[in-house]
Amino acid sequence: MPAHELSGTTALVTGASRGFGRAIAVALSKHGAHVVGVARDPSRLEDLRAQLGSTFTRRSSCGGRAMSKTGIAEVKRQP
């Protein structure tokens, strides 16, 4: 896959703080996608944000509850 094949896209990755979710978030970012990472551990998400920079937006899952429509709309508005 070319390095920026996903440029201009946004990917929502659940479980992004570790394991497969984190690896998927890193790979998607590397290929040009803006990644929205959702997980229960905000500190691990912050570590991933530090690694990926402006291509990553973190969202805590609020203790396991699903993100509201308002929260999803907020993510869509972010650059």
Protein backbone atom coordinates (compact mmCIF):
# COMPACT_ATOMS: atom_id res chain seq x y z
CA MET A 1 0.00 0.00 0.00
CA PRO A 2 1.46 3.40 -0.95
CA ALA A 3 2.41 5.61 2.01
CA HIS A 4 -0.42 8.13 1.61
CA GLU A 5 -3.11 6.02 0.00
CA LEU A 6 -5.53 6.86 2.85
CA SER A 7 -4.89 10.61 2.82
CA GLY A 8 -8.10 12.55 3.44
CA THR A 9 -9.81 9.70 5.26
CA THR A 10 -10.70 9.29 8.93
CA ALA A 11 -10.54 5.92 10.68
CA LEU A 12 -12.17 5.11 14.02
CA VAL A 13 -10.13 2.51 15.89
CA THR A 14 -11.51 0.94 19.06
CA GLY A 15 -9.07 -0.55 21.52
CA ALA A 16 -6.41 1.83 20.22
CA SER A 17 -4.42 2.04 23.45
CA ARG A 18 -2.67 -1.34 23.09
CA GLY A 19 -2.27 -4.57 21.18
CA PHE A 20 -3.90 -5.01 17.78
CA GLY A 21 -5.85 -1.74 18.06
CA ARG A 22 -2.69 0.26 18.64
CA ALA A 23 -0.90 -1.46 15.77
CA ILE A 24 -3.83 -0.79 13.45
CA ALA A 25 -3.94 2.88 14.51
CA VAL A 26 -0.21 3.27 13.80
CA ALA A 27 -0.47 1.55 10.41
CA LEU A 28 -3.48 3.62 9.32
CA SER A 29 -1.72 6.82 10.37
CA LYS A 30 1.42 5.79 8.51
CA HIS A 31 -0.67 5.38 5.36
CA GLY A 32 -2.16 8.87 5.63
CA ALA A 33 -5.43 8.44 7.53
CA HIS A 34 -6.47 10.67 10.39
CA VAL A 35 -7.08 8.22 13.23
CA VAL A 36 -9.60 8.63 16.02
CA GLY A 37 -8.57 6.24 18.78
CA VAL A 38 -11.03 5.07 21.40
CA ALA A 39 -10.04 3.12 24.50
CA ARG A 40 -10.63 2.98 28.23
CA ASP A 41 -7.11 4.04 29.23
CA PRO A 42 -6.67 7.78 28.59
CA SER A 43 -2.98 7.76 29.55
CA ARG A 44 -2.13 5.11 26.93
CA LEU A 45 -4.14 7.05 24.36
CA GLU A 46 -2.15 10.16 25.23
CA ASP A 47 1.08 8.19 24.67
CA LEU A 48 -0.19 7.18 21.24
CA ARG A 49 -1.16 10.79 20.48
CA ALA A 50 2.38 11.85 21.37
CA GLN A 51 3.72 9.21 18.96
CA LEU A 52 1.37 9.98 16.05
CA GLY A 53 0.99 13.74 16.51
CA SER A 54 -1.64 15.66 14.58
CA THR A 55 -2.78 12.57 12.68
CA PHE A 56 -4.38 11.22 15.87
CA THR A 57 -7.32 12.27 18.01
CA ARG A 58 -7.90 10.46 21.27
CA ARG A 59 -11.29 9.73 22.80
CA SER A 60 -11.75 7.95 26.08
CA SER A 61 -14.62 5.47 26.03
CA CYS A 62 -15.98 6.90 29.29
CA GLY A 63 -15.56 3.78 31.35
CA GLY A 64 -16.81 1.39 28.71
CA ARG A 65 -19.92 3.33 27.64
CA ALA A 66 -20.42 4.00 23.96
CA MET A 67 -19.59 7.44 22.57
CA SER A 68 -22.63 9.67 22.10
CA LYS A 69 -23.71 11.11 18.75
CA THR A 70 -22.52 14.49 20.04
CA GLY A 71 -19.06 13.06 20.73
CA ILE A 72 -18.86 11.57 17.24
CA ALA A 73 -19.93 14.91 15.73
CA GLU A 74 -17.15 16.65 17.70
CA VAL A 75 -14.59 14.25 16.23
CA LYS A 76 -15.83 14.90 12.70
CA ARG A 77 -15.40 18.66 13.18
CA GLN A 78 -11.77 18.36 14.21
CA PRO A 79 -9.07 18.83 11.55
